[in-house]
Amino acid sequence: MLQKFLLLAAAIAIVWYGFKFVGRLNQQRQDKVAKDQDNPRMGVADTVQCPVCDAYVAADSKSDCGKAECPY
């Protein structure tokens, strides 16, 4: 009789901690997805060629190449 109660208690404990473990894994996965959505990776960007130095720069964030006549 005592063995049945111990076996039942062990089964309940295994199920209980199993659900806690799966819940923790799910939470970590959701945190990672949220973090990845907050920090998007650099993708493909359109570029334009500078008429003075012939260097290609990103169209949305043009920056000076350092040459005197550079329009960016």
PDB file of N, CA and C in Angstrom:
ATOM      1  N   MET A   1       0.814  -1.179   0.000  1.00  0.00           N
ATOM      2  CA  MET A   1       0.000   0.000   0.000  1.00  0.00           C
ATOM      3  C   MET A   1       0.871   1.263   0.000  1.00  0.00           C
ATOM      4  N   LEU A   2       1.924   1.268   0.826  1.00  0.00           N
ATOM      5  CA  LEU A   2       2.829   2.407   0.893  1.00  0.00           C
ATOM      6  C   LEU A   2       3.560   2.596  -0.431  1.00  0.00           C
ATOM      7  N   GLN A   3       3.890   1.473  -1.091  1.00  0.00           N
ATOM      8  CA  GLN A   3       4.584   1.548  -2.377  1.00  0.00           C
ATOM      9  C   GLN A   3       3.706   2.226  -3.433  1.00  0.00           C
ATOM     10  N   LYS A   4       2.418   1.956  -3.383  1.00  0.00           N
ATOM     11  CA  LYS A   4       1.508   2.572  -4.346  1.00  0.00           C
ATOM     12  C   LYS A   4       1.443   4.080  -4.142  1.00  0.00           C
ATOM     13  N   PHE A   5       1.417   4.515  -2.902  1.00  0.00           N
ATOM     14  CA  PHE A   5       1.388   5.944  -2.622  1.00  0.00           C
ATOM     15  C   PHE A   5       2.693   6.622  -3.042  1.00  0.00           C
ATOM     16  N   LEU A   6       3.820   5.945  -2.779  1.00  0.00           N
ATOM     17  CA  LEU A   6       5.106   6.513  -3.188  1.00  0.00           C
ATOM     18  C   LEU A   6       5.212   6.580  -4.709  1.00  0.00           C
ATOM     19  N   LEU A   7       4.743   5.548  -5.388  1.00  0.00           N
ATOM     20  CA  LEU A   7       4.762   5.541  -6.844  1.00  0.00           C
ATOM     21  C   LEU A   7       3.847   6.631  -7.397  1.00  0.00           C
ATOM     22  N   LEU A   8       2.685   6.800  -6.807  1.00  0.00           N
ATOM     23  CA  LEU A   8       1.763   7.854  -7.228  1.00  0.00           C
ATOM     24  C   LEU A   8       2.379   9.229  -6.989  1.00  0.00           C
ATOM     25  N   ALA A   9       3.003   9.427  -5.841  1.00  0.00           N
ATOM     26  CA  ALA A   9       3.651  10.706  -5.527  1.00  0.00           C
ATOM     27  C   ALA A   9       4.799  10.984  -6.501  1.00  0.00           C
ATOM     28  N   ALA A  10       5.565   9.953  -6.846  1.00  0.00           N
ATOM     29  CA  ALA A  10       6.662  10.115  -7.796  1.00  0.00           C
ATOM     30  C   ALA A  10       6.123  10.471  -9.183  1.00  0.00           C
ATOM     31  N   ALA A  11       5.043   9.817  -9.597  1.00  0.00           N
ATOM     32  CA  ALA A  11       4.451  10.108 -10.907  1.00  0.00           C
ATOM     33  C   ALA A  11       3.927  11.543 -10.953  1.00  0.00           C
ATOM     34  N   ILE A  12       3.276  11.980  -9.892  1.00  0.00           N
ATOM     35  CA  ILE A  12       2.769  13.352  -9.835  1.00  0.00           C
ATOM     36  C   ILE A  12       3.926  14.345  -9.870  1.00  0.00           C
ATOM     37  N   ALA A  13       4.995  14.056  -9.147  1.00  0.00           N
ATOM     38  CA  ALA A  13       6.161  14.946  -9.123  1.00  0.00           C
ATOM     39  C   ALA A  13       6.813  15.019 -10.508  1.00  0.00           C
ATOM     40  N   ILE A  14       6.918  13.896 -11.189  1.00  0.00           N
ATOM     41  CA  ILE A  14       7.520  13.884 -12.526  1.00  0.00           C
ATOM     42  C   ILE A  14       6.688  14.718 -13.491  1.00  0.00           C
ATOM     43  N   VAL A  15       5.384  14.546 -13.448  1.00  0.00           N
ATOM     44  CA  VAL A  15       4.502  15.325 -14.328  1.00  0.00           C
ATOM     45  C   VAL A  15       4.582  16.805 -13.976  1.00  0.00           C
ATOM     46  N   TRP A  16       4.546  17.128 -12.695  1.00  0.00           N
ATOM     47  CA  TRP A  16       4.596  18.525 -12.240  1.00  0.00           C
ATOM     48  C   TRP A  16       5.870  19.220 -12.713  1.00  0.00           C
ATOM     49  N   TYR A  17       7.030  18.584 -12.449  1.00  0.00           N
ATOM     50  CA  TYR A  17       8.295  19.197 -12.841  1.00  0.00           C
ATOM     51  C   TYR A  17       8.488  19.158 -14.355  1.00  0.00           C
ATOM     52  N   GLY A  18       7.898  18.189 -15.021  1.00  0.00           N
ATOM     53  CA  GLY A  18       7.950  18.155 -16.488  1.00  0.00           C
ATOM     54  C   GLY A  18       7.236  19.351 -17.088  1.00  0.00           C
ATOM     55  N   PHE A  19       6.048  19.684 -16.564  1.00  0.00           N
ATOM     56  CA  PHE A  19       5.322  20.848 -17.046  1.00  0.00           C
ATOM     57  C   PHE A  19       6.081  22.134 -16.742  1.00  0.00           C
ATOM     58  N   LYS A  20       6.710  22.214 -15.587  1.00  0.00           N
ATOM     59  CA  LYS A  20       7.498  23.398 -15.260  1.00  0.00           C
ATOM     60  C   LYS A  20       8.670  23.547 -16.223  1.00  0.00           C
ATOM     61  N   PHE A  21       9.324  22.434 -16.555  1.00  0.00           N
ATOM     62  CA  PHE A  21      10.467  22.450 -17.461  1.00  0.00           C
ATOM     63  C   PHE A  21      10.034  22.891 -18.859  1.00  0.00           C
ATOM     64  N   VAL A  22       8.929  22.336 -19.343  1.00  0.00           N
ATOM     65  CA  VAL A  22       8.422  22.702 -20.668  1.00  0.00           C
ATOM     66  C   VAL A  22       8.004  24.168 -20.679  1.00  0.00           C
ATOM     67  N   GLY A  23       7.400  24.643 -19.612  1.00  0.00           N
ATOM     68  CA  GLY A  23       7.017  26.057 -19.517  1.00  0.00           C
ATOM     69  C   GLY A  23       8.224  26.972 -19.557  1.00  0.00           C
ATOM     70  N   ARG A  24       9.308  26.585 -18.891  1.00  0.00           N
ATOM     71  CA  ARG A  24      10.539  27.374 -18.906  1.00  0.00           C
ATOM     72  C   ARG A  24      11.147  27.423 -20.299  1.00  0.00           C
ATOM     73  N   LEU A  25      11.161  26.274 -20.990  1.00  0.00           N
ATOM     74  CA  LEU A  25      11.684  26.243 -22.358  1.00  0.00           C
ATOM     75  C   LEU A  25      10.850  27.135 -23.274  1.00  0.00           C
ATOM     76  N   ASN A  26       9.541  27.088 -23.118  1.00  0.00           N
ATOM     77  CA  ASN A  26       8.652  27.913 -23.932  1.00  0.00           C
ATOM     78  C   ASN A  26       8.893  29.395 -23.654  1.00  0.00           C
ATOM     79  N   GLN A  27       9.090  29.767 -22.403  1.00  0.00           N
ATOM     80  CA  GLN A  27       9.345  31.164 -22.056  1.00  0.00           C
ATOM     81  C   GLN A  27      10.663  31.645 -22.654  1.00  0.00           C
ATOM     82  N   GLN A  28      11.703  30.809 -22.605  1.00  0.00           N
ATOM     83  CA  GLN A  28      12.983  31.168 -23.192  1.00  0.00           C
ATOM     84  C   GLN A  28      12.853  31.353 -24.700  1.00  0.00           C
ATOM     85  N   ARG A  29      12.083  30.488 -25.343  1.00  0.00           N
ATOM     86  CA  ARG A  29      11.871  30.594 -26.780  1.00  0.00           C
ATOM     87  C   ARG A  29      11.133  31.892 -27.117  1.00  0.00           C
ATOM     88  N   GLN A  30      10.125  32.244 -26.330  1.00  0.00           N
ATOM     89  CA  GLN A  30       9.385  33.480 -26.571  1.00  0.00           C
ATOM     90  C   GLN A  30      10.264  34.704 -26.332  1.00  0.00           C
ATOM     91  N   ASP A  31      11.128  34.653 -25.312  1.00  0.00           N
ATOM     92  CA  ASP A  31      12.040  35.764 -25.052  1.00  0.00           C
ATOM     93  C   ASP A  31      13.003  35.955 -26.216  1.00  0.00           C
ATOM     94  N   LYS A  32      13.502  34.853 -26.761  1.00  0.00           N
ATOM     95  CA  LYS A  32      14.429  34.935 -27.882  1.00  0.00           C
ATOM     96  C   LYS A  32      13.744  35.517 -29.111  1.00  0.00           C
ATOM     97  N   VAL A  33      12.512  35.100 -29.378  1.00  0.00           N
ATOM     98  CA  VAL A  33      11.774  35.637 -30.522  1.00  0.00           C
ATOM     99  C   VAL A  33      11.537  37.127 -30.340  1.00  0.00           C
ATOM    100  N   ALA A  34      11.168  37.550 -29.142  1.00  0.00           N
ATOM    101  CA  ALA A  34      10.943  38.969 -28.877  1.00  0.00           C
ATOM    102  C   ALA A  34      12.235  39.762 -29.035  1.00  0.00           C
ATOM    103  N   LYS A  35      13.337  39.210 -28.590  1.00  0.00           N
ATOM    104  CA  LYS A  35      14.630  39.879 -28.711  1.00  0.00           C
ATOM    105  C   LYS A  35      15.032  40.000 -30.171  1.00  0.00           C
ATOM    106  N   ASP A  36      14.797  38.949 -30.961  1.00  0.00           N
ATOM    107  CA  ASP A  36      15.135  38.978 -32.377  1.00  0.00           C
ATOM    108  C   ASP A  36      14.276  39.992 -33.131  1.00  0.00           C
ATOM    109  N   GLN A  37      13.034  40.173 -32.709  1.00  0.00           N
ATOM    110  CA  GLN A  37      12.169  41.138 -33.367  1.00  0.00           C
ATOM    111  C   GLN A  37      12.570  42.565 -33.007  1.00  0.00           C
ATOM    112  N   ASP A  38      13.131  42.774 -31.829  1.00  0.00           N
ATOM    113  CA  ASP A  38      13.575  44.103 -31.421  1.00  0.00           C
ATOM    114  C   ASP A  38      14.852  44.515 -32.136  1.00  0.00           C
ATOM    115  N   ASN A  39      15.689  43.562 -32.499  1.00  0.00           N
ATOM    116  CA  ASN A  39      16.968  43.834 -33.153  1.00  0.00           C
ATOM    117  C   ASN A  39      16.986  43.184 -34.532  1.00  0.00           C
ATOM    118  N   PRO A  40      16.365  43.820 -35.523  1.00  0.00           N
ATOM    119  CA  PRO A  40      16.359  43.199 -36.847  1.00  0.00           C
ATOM    120  C   PRO A  40      17.766  43.172 -37.441  1.00  0.00           C
ATOM    121  N   ARG A  41      18.028  42.169 -38.173  1.00  0.00           N
ATOM    122  CA  ARG A  41      19.330  42.032 -38.812  1.00  0.00           C
ATOM    123  C   ARG A  41      19.405  42.956 -40.018  1.00  0.00           C
ATOM    124  N   MET A  42      20.624  43.314 -40.351  1.00  0.00           N
ATOM    125  CA  MET A  42      20.812  44.140 -41.537  1.00  0.00           C
ATOM    126  C   MET A  42      20.431  43.318 -42.757  1.00  0.00           C
ATOM    127  N   GLY A  43      19.687  43.903 -43.616  1.00  0.00           N
ATOM    128  CA  GLY A  43      19.257  43.218 -44.821  1.00  0.00           C
ATOM    129  C   GLY A  43      19.891  43.847 -46.039  1.00  0.00           C
ATOM    130  N   VAL A  44      19.293  43.619 -47.143  1.00  0.00           N
ATOM    131  CA  VAL A  44      19.762  44.174 -48.394  1.00  0.00           C
ATOM    132  C   VAL A  44      19.321  45.630 -48.460  1.00  0.00           C
ATOM    133  N   ALA A  45      20.215  46.498 -48.894  1.00  0.00           N
ATOM    134  CA  ALA A  45      19.895  47.921 -48.995  1.00  0.00           C
ATOM    135  C   ALA A  45      20.197  48.405 -50.404  1.00  0.00           C
ATOM    136  N   ASP A  46      19.408  49.352 -50.858  1.00  0.00           N
ATOM    137  CA  ASP A  46      19.670  49.973 -52.147  1.00  0.00           C
ATOM    138  C   ASP A  46      20.889  50.866 -52.017  1.00  0.00           C
ATOM    139  N   THR A  47      21.709  50.884 -53.067  1.00  0.00           N
ATOM    140  CA  THR A  47      22.904  51.712 -53.058  1.00  0.00           C
ATOM    141  C   THR A  47      22.893  52.629 -54.274  1.00  0.00           C
ATOM    142  N   VAL A  48      23.597  53.730 -54.130  1.00  0.00           N
ATOM    143  CA  VAL A  48      23.780  54.675 -55.236  1.00  0.00           C
ATOM    144  C   VAL A  48      25.275  54.929 -55.387  1.00  0.00           C
ATOM    145  N   GLN A  49      25.671  55.242 -56.625  1.00  0.00           N
ATOM    146  CA  GLN A  49      27.080  55.480 -56.886  1.00  0.00           C
ATOM    147  C   GLN A  49      27.365  56.971 -56.812  1.00  0.00           C
ATOM    148  N   CYS A  50      28.414  57.322 -56.093  1.00  0.00           N
ATOM    149  CA  CYS A  50      28.833  58.717 -55.980  1.00  0.00           C
ATOM    150  C   CYS A  50      29.438  59.133 -57.329  1.00  0.00           C
ATOM    151  N   PRO A  51      28.990  60.262 -57.888  1.00  0.00           N
ATOM    152  CA  PRO A  51      29.515  60.675 -59.191  1.00  0.00           C
ATOM    153  C   PRO A  51      30.972  61.147 -59.130  1.00  0.00           C
ATOM    154  N   VAL A  52      31.464  61.499 -57.961  1.00  0.00           N
ATOM    155  CA  VAL A  52      32.826  62.008 -57.828  1.00  0.00           C
ATOM    156  C   VAL A  52      33.815  60.881 -57.558  1.00  0.00           C
ATOM    157  N   CYS A  53      33.543  60.082 -56.550  1.00  0.00           N
ATOM    158  CA  CYS A  53      34.525  59.073 -56.132  1.00  0.00           C
ATOM    159  C   CYS A  53      34.184  57.663 -56.601  1.00  0.00           C
ATOM    160  N   ASP A  54      33.033  57.473 -57.246  1.00  0.00           N
ATOM    161  CA  ASP A  54      32.579  56.178 -57.763  1.00  0.00           C
ATOM    162  C   ASP A  54      32.398  55.117 -56.687  1.00  0.00           C
ATOM    163  N   ALA A  55      32.304  55.530 -55.455  1.00  0.00           N
ATOM    164  CA  ALA A  55      32.040  54.584 -54.365  1.00  0.00           C
ATOM    165  C   ALA A  55      30.537  54.397 -54.239  1.00  0.00           C
ATOM    166  N   TYR A  56      30.121  53.220 -53.812  1.00  0.00           N
ATOM    167  CA  TYR A  56      28.699  52.947 -53.605  1.00  0.00           C
ATOM    168  C   TYR A  56      28.364  53.137 -52.128  1.00  0.00           C
ATOM    169  N   VAL A  57      27.316  53.891 -51.879  1.00  0.00           N
ATOM    170  CA  VAL A  57      26.876  54.143 -50.513  1.00  0.00           C
ATOM    171  C   VAL A  57      25.401  53.793 -50.405  1.00  0.00           C
ATOM    172  N   ALA A  58      24.940  53.501 -49.204  1.00  0.00           N
ATOM    173  CA  ALA A  58      23.536  53.177 -48.991  1.00  0.00           C
ATOM    174  C   ALA A  58      22.685  54.395 -49.314  1.00  0.00           C
ATOM    175  N   ALA A  59      21.590  54.184 -50.037  1.00  0.00           N
ATOM    176  CA  ALA A  59      20.751  55.294 -50.500  1.00  0.00           C
ATOM    177  C   ALA A  59      20.069  56.016 -49.345  1.00  0.00           C
ATOM    178  N   ASP A  60      19.701  55.298 -48.285  1.00  0.00           N
ATOM    179  CA  ASP A  60      18.967  55.937 -47.195  1.00  0.00           C
ATOM    180  C   ASP A  60      19.868  56.571 -46.145  1.00  0.00           C
ATOM    181  N   SER A  61      21.147  56.256 -46.126  1.00  0.00           N
ATOM    182  CA  SER A  61      22.052  56.857 -45.143  1.00  0.00           C
ATOM    183  C   SER A  61      23.365  57.213 -45.818  1.00  0.00           C
ATOM    184  N   LYS A  62      23.324  58.216 -46.652  1.00  0.00           N
ATOM    185  CA  LYS A  62      24.511  58.636 -47.386  1.00  0.00           C
ATOM    186  C   LYS A  62      25.472  59.336 -46.442  1.00  0.00           C
ATOM    187  N   SER A  63      26.760  59.043 -46.606  1.00  0.00           N
ATOM    188  CA  SER A  63      27.757  59.661 -45.751  1.00  0.00           C
ATOM    189  C   SER A  63      28.920  60.152 -46.603  1.00  0.00           C
ATOM    190  N   ASP A  64      29.617  61.117 -46.085  1.00  0.00           N
ATOM    191  CA  ASP A  64      30.742  61.726 -46.784  1.00  0.00           C
ATOM    192  C   ASP A  64      31.877  60.732 -46.929  1.00  0.00           C
ATOM    193  N   CYS A  65      32.448  60.669 -48.162  1.00  0.00           N
ATOM    194  CA  CYS A  65      33.568  59.738 -48.384  1.00  0.00           C
ATOM    195  C   CYS A  65      34.900  60.387 -48.030  1.00  0.00           C
ATOM    196  N   GLY A  66      34.930  61.705 -47.841  1.00  0.00           N
ATOM    197  CA  GLY A  66      36.156  62.374 -47.468  1.00  0.00           C
ATOM    198  C   GLY A  66      36.761  63.205 -48.575  1.00  0.00           C
ATOM    199  N   LYS A  67      36.269  63.056 -49.807  1.00  0.00           N
ATOM    200  CA  LYS A  67      36.782  63.851 -50.915  1.00  0.00           C
ATOM    201  C   LYS A  67      36.114  65.221 -50.917  1.00  0.00           C
ATOM    202  N   ALA A  68      36.805  66.219 -51.440  1.00  0.00           N
ATOM    203  CA  ALA A  68      36.323  67.600 -51.383  1.00  0.00           C
ATOM    204  C   ALA A  68      35.046  67.798 -52.175  1.00  0.00           C
ATOM    205  N   GLU A  69      34.938  67.190 -53.337  1.00  0.00           N
ATOM    206  CA  GLU A  69      33.782  67.419 -54.192  1.00  0.00           C
ATOM    207  C   GLU A  69      32.628  66.455 -53.935  1.00  0.00           C
ATOM    208  N   CYS A  70      32.757  65.586 -52.980  1.00  0.00           N
ATOM    209  CA  CYS A  70      31.734  64.566 -52.722  1.00  0.00           C
ATOM    210  C   CYS A  70      30.439  65.221 -52.259  1.00  0.00           C
ATOM    211  N   PRO A  71      29.330  64.969 -52.948  1.00  0.00           N
ATOM    212  CA  PRO A  71      28.083  65.605 -52.570  1.00  0.00           C
ATOM    213  C   PRO A  71      27.449  65.010 -51.310  1.00  0.00           C
ATOM    214  N   TYR A  72      27.958  63.918 -50.847  1.00  0.00           N
ATOM    215  CA  TYR A  72      27.363  63.269 -49.680  1.00  0.00           C
ATOM    216  C   TYR A  72      28.132  63.672 -48.462  1.00  0.00           C
TER     217      TYR A  72
END
